Amino acid sequence: MSRLRQLGRDSLVYGGGAVFAKGIGFFLLPIYTRIFSPADYGVIELLSVIASFVSALLVMGMDSAQSFYFFEQKAAGEPAQARLVGAILQWRLTWGAAIVVAATGVAPLLNAFFFEGRLDWTYFAAAFAGALLLQLMSQSVEIFRLLYRPWPFVLVTLAQAVGTAGLVLLFVVRFDRGILGY
C-alpha cells in the first residue's frame, strides 16, 4: 500500500508541476495575441511546428534509451550511470548540432514553401537552435525523474517555463525583437 501512496503522491507532484508549467504559456496567450498581429502569430506557430518536427529528429529515441539503459546500469553503480548520461549528452550535442546545421541549410526551401520567401534564415536558425536547447534541457530534467526526485524535477521544469516566458517578454517587449525575439 505504501508503494501505491508513493505513486499517487509522485503522480500528483509530476502532473501538477507539468500542468502549472504549461499553464504559464496558456496565461501568456492573451499577452502574446496583443503583442503580435494575427499574421505574426501565424508565422510563430508555423515556425514552432517546423521546429517540433526538427525536435522529433533531435530526440532520436535517446529519451527512451536513456531511461532503459539508466536502470540497466543501476547494478554497475552511479559512475556507470553517469557515464551513460554523459555519452548520451555527447551524442545529442554532436548530432544535434549537425541536425540544426543541416535543417538551417534547408531553411531556404522551407522559407519558399511555407512563407513565400519572406523570412530571413535567422528565424529558422533560432527556432532550430531553440529546439536543440529544449531537448538538452529535457534530458537534464529527466535525470531527476530517473532518480525519483520529483521536487527538483518540478522546480527545474517550472524555472524553465518561467525563464522562457521572461526571456520572450524581455526580447519582444523591452528590446522590440518581434518574432525573432519570441
C-alpha atoms as a PDB file:
ATOM      1  CA  MET A   1       0.000   0.000   0.000  1.00  0.00           C
ATOM      2  CA  SER A   2       2.894   2.377   0.677  1.00  0.00           C
ATOM      3  CA  ARG A   3       4.055   1.989  -2.955  1.00  0.00           C
ATOM      4  CA  LEU A   4       0.589   2.961  -4.131  1.00  0.00           C
ATOM      5  CA  ARG A   5       0.613   6.064  -1.901  1.00  0.00           C
ATOM      6  CA  GLN A   6       4.080   6.972  -3.188  1.00  0.00           C
ATOM      7  CA  LEU A   7       2.897   6.537  -6.771  1.00  0.00           C
ATOM      8  CA  GLY A   8      -0.103   8.769  -6.115  1.00  0.00           C
ATOM      9  CA  ARG A   9       1.990  11.437  -4.409  1.00  0.00           C
ATOM     10  CA  ASP A  10       4.646  11.441  -7.143  1.00  0.00           C
ATOM     11  CA  SER A  11       1.999  11.476  -9.873  1.00  0.00           C
ATOM     12  CA  LEU A  12       0.367  14.464  -8.216  1.00  0.00           C
ATOM     13  CA  VAL A  13       3.690  16.294  -7.949  1.00  0.00           C
ATOM     14  CA  TYR A  14       4.810  15.499 -11.524  1.00  0.00           C
ATOM     15  CA  GLY A  15       1.357  16.067 -13.000  1.00  0.00           C
ATOM     16  CA  GLY A  16       0.669  19.230 -11.049  1.00  0.00           C
ATOM     17  CA  GLY A  17       4.052  20.641 -11.918  1.00  0.00           C
ATOM     18  CA  ALA A  18       3.562  19.877 -15.613  1.00  0.00           C
ATOM     19  CA  VAL A  19       0.104  21.453 -15.610  1.00  0.00           C
ATOM     20  CA  PHE A  20       1.424  24.570 -13.879  1.00  0.00           C
ATOM     21  CA  ALA A  21       4.376  24.837 -16.288  1.00  0.00           C
ATOM     22  CA  LYS A  22       2.085  24.505 -19.332  1.00  0.00           C
ATOM     23  CA  GLY A  23      -0.365  26.914 -17.692  1.00  0.00           C
ATOM     24  CA  ILE A  24       2.226  29.689 -17.770  1.00  0.00           C
ATOM     25  CA  GLY A  25       2.172  29.616 -21.565  1.00  0.00           C
ATOM     26  CA  PHE A  26      -1.599  29.432 -21.566  1.00  0.00           C
ATOM     27  CA  PHE A  27      -1.963  32.510 -19.368  1.00  0.00           C
ATOM     28  CA  LEU A  28       0.533  34.424 -21.515  1.00  0.00           C
ATOM     29  CA  LEU A  29      -1.540  33.768 -24.618  1.00  0.00           C
ATOM     30  CA  PRO A  30      -3.634  36.969 -24.219  1.00  0.00           C
ATOM     31  CA  ILE A  31      -0.422  38.973 -23.885  1.00  0.00           C
ATOM     32  CA  TYR A  32       1.085  37.384 -26.979  1.00  0.00           C
ATOM     33  CA  THR A  33      -2.080  37.992 -29.001  1.00  0.00           C
ATOM     34  CA  ARG A  34      -1.936  41.681 -28.058  1.00  0.00           C
ATOM     35  CA  ILE A  35       1.743  41.982 -28.910  1.00  0.00           C
ATOM     36  CA  PHE A  36       1.653  40.124 -32.232  1.00  0.00           C
ATOM     37  CA  SER A  37      -0.608  40.581 -35.204  1.00  0.00           C
ATOM     38  CA  PRO A  38      -2.544  37.519 -36.386  1.00  0.00           C
ATOM     39  CA  ALA A  39      -0.093  37.196 -39.294  1.00  0.00           C
ATOM     40  CA  ASP A  40       2.911  37.351 -36.931  1.00  0.00           C
ATOM     41  CA  TYR A  41       1.310  34.843 -34.611  1.00  0.00           C
ATOM     42  CA  GLY A  42       0.690  32.552 -37.577  1.00  0.00           C
ATOM     43  CA  VAL A  43       4.378  32.772 -38.516  1.00  0.00           C
ATOM     44  CA  ILE A  44       5.353  31.970 -34.926  1.00  0.00           C
ATOM     45  CA  GLU A  45       3.079  28.935 -34.836  1.00  0.00           C
ATOM     46  CA  LEU A  46       4.242  27.618 -38.201  1.00  0.00           C
ATOM     47  CA  LEU A  47       7.888  28.034 -37.144  1.00  0.00           C
ATOM     48  CA  SER A  48       7.002  26.191 -33.925  1.00  0.00           C
ATOM     49  CA  VAL A  49       5.520  23.304 -35.896  1.00  0.00           C
ATOM     50  CA  ILE A  50       8.605  23.105 -38.130  1.00  0.00           C
ATOM     51  CA  ALA A  51      10.847  23.241 -35.036  1.00  0.00           C
ATOM     52  CA  SER A  52       8.751  20.453 -33.479  1.00  0.00           C
ATOM     53  CA  PHE A  53       9.498  18.278 -36.487  1.00  0.00           C
ATOM     54  CA  VAL A  54      13.215  19.011 -36.072  1.00  0.00           C
ATOM     55  CA  SER A  55      12.802  18.188 -32.354  1.00  0.00           C
ATOM     56  CA  ALA A  56      11.500  14.758 -33.301  1.00  0.00           C
ATOM     57  CA  LEU A  57      14.707  14.232 -35.280  1.00  0.00           C
ATOM     58  CA  LEU A  58      16.780  15.558 -32.391  1.00  0.00           C
ATOM     59  CA  VAL A  59      15.283  13.129 -29.890  1.00  0.00           C
ATOM     60  CA  MET A  60      16.395  10.100 -31.940  1.00  0.00           C
ATOM     61  CA  GLY A  61      14.905   7.800 -29.302  1.00  0.00           C
ATOM     62  CA  MET A  62      17.532   8.934 -26.819  1.00  0.00           C
ATOM     63  CA  ASP A  63      14.935   9.724 -24.163  1.00  0.00           C
ATOM     64  CA  SER A  64      13.694   6.139 -24.136  1.00  0.00           C
ATOM     65  CA  ALA A  65      17.201   4.738 -24.469  1.00  0.00           C
ATOM     66  CA  GLN A  66      18.398   6.815 -21.525  1.00  0.00           C
ATOM     67  CA  SER A  67      15.557   5.546 -19.342  1.00  0.00           C
ATOM     68  CA  PHE A  68      16.090   1.926 -20.346  1.00  0.00           C
ATOM     69  CA  TYR A  69      19.879   1.850 -20.007  1.00  0.00           C
ATOM     70  CA  PHE A  70      19.900   4.034 -16.899  1.00  0.00           C
ATOM     71  CA  PHE A  71      18.112   1.315 -14.945  1.00  0.00           C
ATOM     72  CA  GLU A  72      20.105  -1.410 -16.666  1.00  0.00           C
ATOM     73  CA  GLN A  73      23.294   0.253 -15.397  1.00  0.00           C
ATOM     74  CA  LYS A  74      21.935   0.534 -11.857  1.00  0.00           C
ATOM     75  CA  ALA A  75      23.722  -2.657 -10.759  1.00  0.00           C
ATOM     76  CA  ALA A  76      27.028  -1.262 -12.057  1.00  0.00           C
ATOM     77  CA  GLY A  77      26.651   1.791  -9.829  1.00  0.00           C
ATOM     78  CA  GLU A  78      26.350   5.536 -10.130  1.00  0.00           C
ATOM     79  CA  PRO A  79      29.620   6.016 -12.080  1.00  0.00           C
ATOM     80  CA  ALA A  80      28.297   3.729 -14.831  1.00  0.00           C
ATOM     81  CA  GLN A  81      25.006   5.620 -14.892  1.00  0.00           C
ATOM     82  CA  ALA A  82      26.873   8.938 -15.037  1.00  0.00           C
ATOM     83  CA  ARG A  83      28.981   7.689 -17.973  1.00  0.00           C
ATOM     84  CA  LEU A  84      25.811   6.617 -19.749  1.00  0.00           C
ATOM     85  CA  VAL A  85      24.153  10.003 -19.270  1.00  0.00           C
ATOM     86  CA  GLY A  86      27.352  11.757 -20.380  1.00  0.00           C
ATOM     87  CA  ALA A  87      27.617   9.609 -23.502  1.00  0.00           C
ATOM     88  CA  ILE A  88      24.011  10.320 -24.431  1.00  0.00           C
ATOM     89  CA  LEU A  89      24.563  14.032 -23.841  1.00  0.00           C
ATOM     90  CA  GLN A  90      27.655  13.995 -26.095  1.00  0.00           C
ATOM     91  CA  TRP A  91      25.711  12.132 -28.772  1.00  0.00           C
ATOM     92  CA  ARG A  92      22.863  14.613 -28.573  1.00  0.00           C
ATOM     93  CA  LEU A  93      25.192  17.610 -28.709  1.00  0.00           C
ATOM     94  CA  THR A  94      27.202  16.294 -31.645  1.00  0.00           C
ATOM     95  CA  TRP A  95      24.384  15.010 -33.799  1.00  0.00           C
ATOM     96  CA  GLY A  96      22.010  17.698 -32.597  1.00  0.00           C
ATOM     97  CA  ALA A  97      24.374  20.401 -33.817  1.00  0.00           C
ATOM     98  CA  ALA A  98      24.722  18.572 -37.140  1.00  0.00           C
ATOM     99  CA  ILE A  99      20.935  18.324 -37.477  1.00  0.00           C
ATOM    100  CA  VAL A 100      20.498  22.013 -36.628  1.00  0.00           C
ATOM    101  CA  VAL A 101      23.096  22.994 -39.239  1.00  0.00           C
ATOM    102  CA  ALA A 102      21.518  20.686 -41.852  1.00  0.00           C
ATOM    103  CA  ALA A 103      17.995  21.930 -41.062  1.00  0.00           C
ATOM    104  CA  THR A 104      19.190  25.533 -41.271  1.00  0.00           C
ATOM    105  CA  GLY A 105      20.702  24.671 -44.657  1.00  0.00           C
ATOM    106  CA  VAL A 106      17.263  23.512 -45.780  1.00  0.00           C
ATOM    107  CA  ALA A 107      15.699  26.721 -44.408  1.00  0.00           C
ATOM    108  CA  PRO A 108      15.569  28.490 -47.802  1.00  0.00           C
ATOM    109  CA  LEU A 109      13.406  25.676 -49.168  1.00  0.00           C
ATOM    110  CA  LEU A 110      11.140  25.768 -46.105  1.00  0.00           C
ATOM    111  CA  ASN A 111      11.004  29.548 -46.364  1.00  0.00           C
ATOM    112  CA  ALA A 112      10.000  29.407 -50.027  1.00  0.00           C
ATOM    113  CA  PHE A 113       7.391  26.699 -49.465  1.00  0.00           C
ATOM    114  CA  PHE A 114       5.747  27.930 -46.249  1.00  0.00           C
ATOM    115  CA  PHE A 115       6.467  31.672 -46.182  1.00  0.00           C
ATOM    116  CA  GLU A 116       6.912  32.609 -49.860  1.00  0.00           C
ATOM    117  CA  GLY A 117      10.492  33.673 -49.088  1.00  0.00           C
ATOM    118  CA  ARG A 118       9.512  36.413 -46.618  1.00  0.00           C
ATOM    119  CA  LEU A 119      11.634  35.279 -43.657  1.00  0.00           C
ATOM    120  CA  ASP A 120      15.341  35.554 -43.070  1.00  0.00           C
ATOM    121  CA  TRP A 121      17.280  32.333 -42.409  1.00  0.00           C
ATOM    122  CA  THR A 122      17.984  33.545 -38.852  1.00  0.00           C
ATOM    123  CA  TYR A 123      14.378  32.836 -37.865  1.00  0.00           C
ATOM    124  CA  PHE A 124      14.860  29.197 -38.780  1.00  0.00           C
ATOM    125  CA  ALA A 125      18.298  29.005 -37.148  1.00  0.00           C
ATOM    126  CA  ALA A 126      16.876  30.440 -33.918  1.00  0.00           C
ATOM    127  CA  ALA A 127      13.923  28.025 -33.959  1.00  0.00           C
ATOM    128  CA  PHE A 128      16.154  25.012 -34.624  1.00  0.00           C
ATOM    129  CA  ALA A 129      18.786  26.019 -32.043  1.00  0.00           C
ATOM    130  CA  GLY A 130      15.967  26.560 -29.543  1.00  0.00           C
ATOM    131  CA  ALA A 131      14.676  23.059 -30.293  1.00  0.00           C
ATOM    132  CA  LEU A 132      18.141  21.628 -29.576  1.00  0.00           C
ATOM    133  CA  LEU A 133      18.427  23.548 -26.302  1.00  0.00           C
ATOM    134  CA  LEU A 134      14.970  22.359 -25.300  1.00  0.00           C
ATOM    135  CA  GLN A 135      15.979  18.744 -25.954  1.00  0.00           C
ATOM    136  CA  LEU A 136      19.141  19.150 -23.885  1.00  0.00           C
ATOM    137  CA  MET A 137      17.148  20.693 -21.055  1.00  0.00           C
ATOM    138  CA  SER A 138      14.624  17.885 -21.301  1.00  0.00           C
ATOM    139  CA  GLN A 139      17.381  15.289 -20.934  1.00  0.00           C
ATOM    140  CA  SER A 140      18.784  17.084 -17.912  1.00  0.00           C
ATOM    141  CA  VAL A 141      15.419  17.341 -16.197  1.00  0.00           C
ATOM    142  CA  GLU A 142      14.677  13.708 -16.983  1.00  0.00           C
ATOM    143  CA  ILE A 143      17.596  12.684 -14.750  1.00  0.00           C
ATOM    144  CA  PHE A 144      15.631  13.913 -11.716  1.00  0.00           C
ATOM    145  CA  ARG A 145      12.722  11.704 -12.738  1.00  0.00           C
ATOM    146  CA  LEU A 146      15.003   8.706 -13.159  1.00  0.00           C
ATOM    147  CA  LEU A 147      16.452   9.335  -9.700  1.00  0.00           C
ATOM    148  CA  TYR A 148      12.932   9.544  -8.202  1.00  0.00           C
ATOM    149  CA  ARG A 149      13.364  13.176  -7.217  1.00  0.00           C
ATOM    150  CA  PRO A 150      10.023  14.769  -8.109  1.00  0.00           C
ATOM    151  CA  TRP A 151      10.500  18.138  -6.402  1.00  0.00           C
ATOM    152  CA  PRO A 152      13.743  19.067  -8.190  1.00  0.00           C
ATOM    153  CA  PHE A 153      12.131  17.843 -11.423  1.00  0.00           C
ATOM    154  CA  VAL A 154       9.150  20.143 -10.929  1.00  0.00           C
ATOM    155  CA  LEU A 155      11.223  23.099  -9.735  1.00  0.00           C
ATOM    156  CA  VAL A 156      13.572  22.949 -12.718  1.00  0.00           C
ATOM    157  CA  THR A 157      10.636  22.476 -15.102  1.00  0.00           C
ATOM    158  CA  LEU A 158       8.871  25.494 -13.603  1.00  0.00           C
ATOM    159  CA  ALA A 159      12.070  27.543 -13.663  1.00  0.00           C
ATOM    160  CA  GLN A 160      12.447  26.694 -17.332  1.00  0.00           C
ATOM    161  CA  ALA A 161       8.862  27.747 -18.101  1.00  0.00           C
ATOM    162  CA  VAL A 162       9.113  30.994 -16.127  1.00  0.00           C
ATOM    163  CA  GLY A 163      12.568  31.745 -17.536  1.00  0.00           C
ATOM    164  CA  THR A 164      11.427  31.147 -21.095  1.00  0.00           C
ATOM    165  CA  ALA A 165       8.372  33.360 -20.638  1.00  0.00           C
ATOM    166  CA  GLY A 166      10.510  36.062 -19.057  1.00  0.00           C
ATOM    167  CA  LEU A 167      13.053  35.982 -21.877  1.00  0.00           C
ATOM    168  CA  VAL A 168      10.323  36.092 -24.518  1.00  0.00           C
ATOM    169  CA  LEU A 169       8.731  39.119 -22.887  1.00  0.00           C
ATOM    170  CA  LEU A 170      12.138  40.776 -22.428  1.00  0.00           C
ATOM    171  CA  PHE A 171      13.174  40.294 -26.052  1.00  0.00           C
ATOM    172  CA  VAL A 172       9.786  41.104 -27.541  1.00  0.00           C
ATOM    173  CA  VAL A 173       8.613  43.960 -25.326  1.00  0.00           C
ATOM    174  CA  ARG A 174      11.798  45.550 -23.990  1.00  0.00           C
ATOM    175  CA  PHE A 175      14.152  45.011 -26.937  1.00  0.00           C
ATOM    176  CA  ASP A 176      11.421  45.067 -29.619  1.00  0.00           C
ATOM    177  CA  ARG A 177      12.787  41.975 -31.410  1.00  0.00           C
ATOM    178  CA  GLY A 178       9.384  40.846 -32.691  1.00  0.00           C
ATOM    179  CA  ILE A 179       9.020  37.304 -33.999  1.00  0.00           C
ATOM    180  CA  LEU A 180      12.737  36.645 -33.709  1.00  0.00           C
ATOM    181  CA  GLY A 181      12.591  37.602 -30.025  1.00  0.00           C
ATOM    182  CA  TYR A 182       9.867  35.057 -29.484  1.00  0.00           C
END
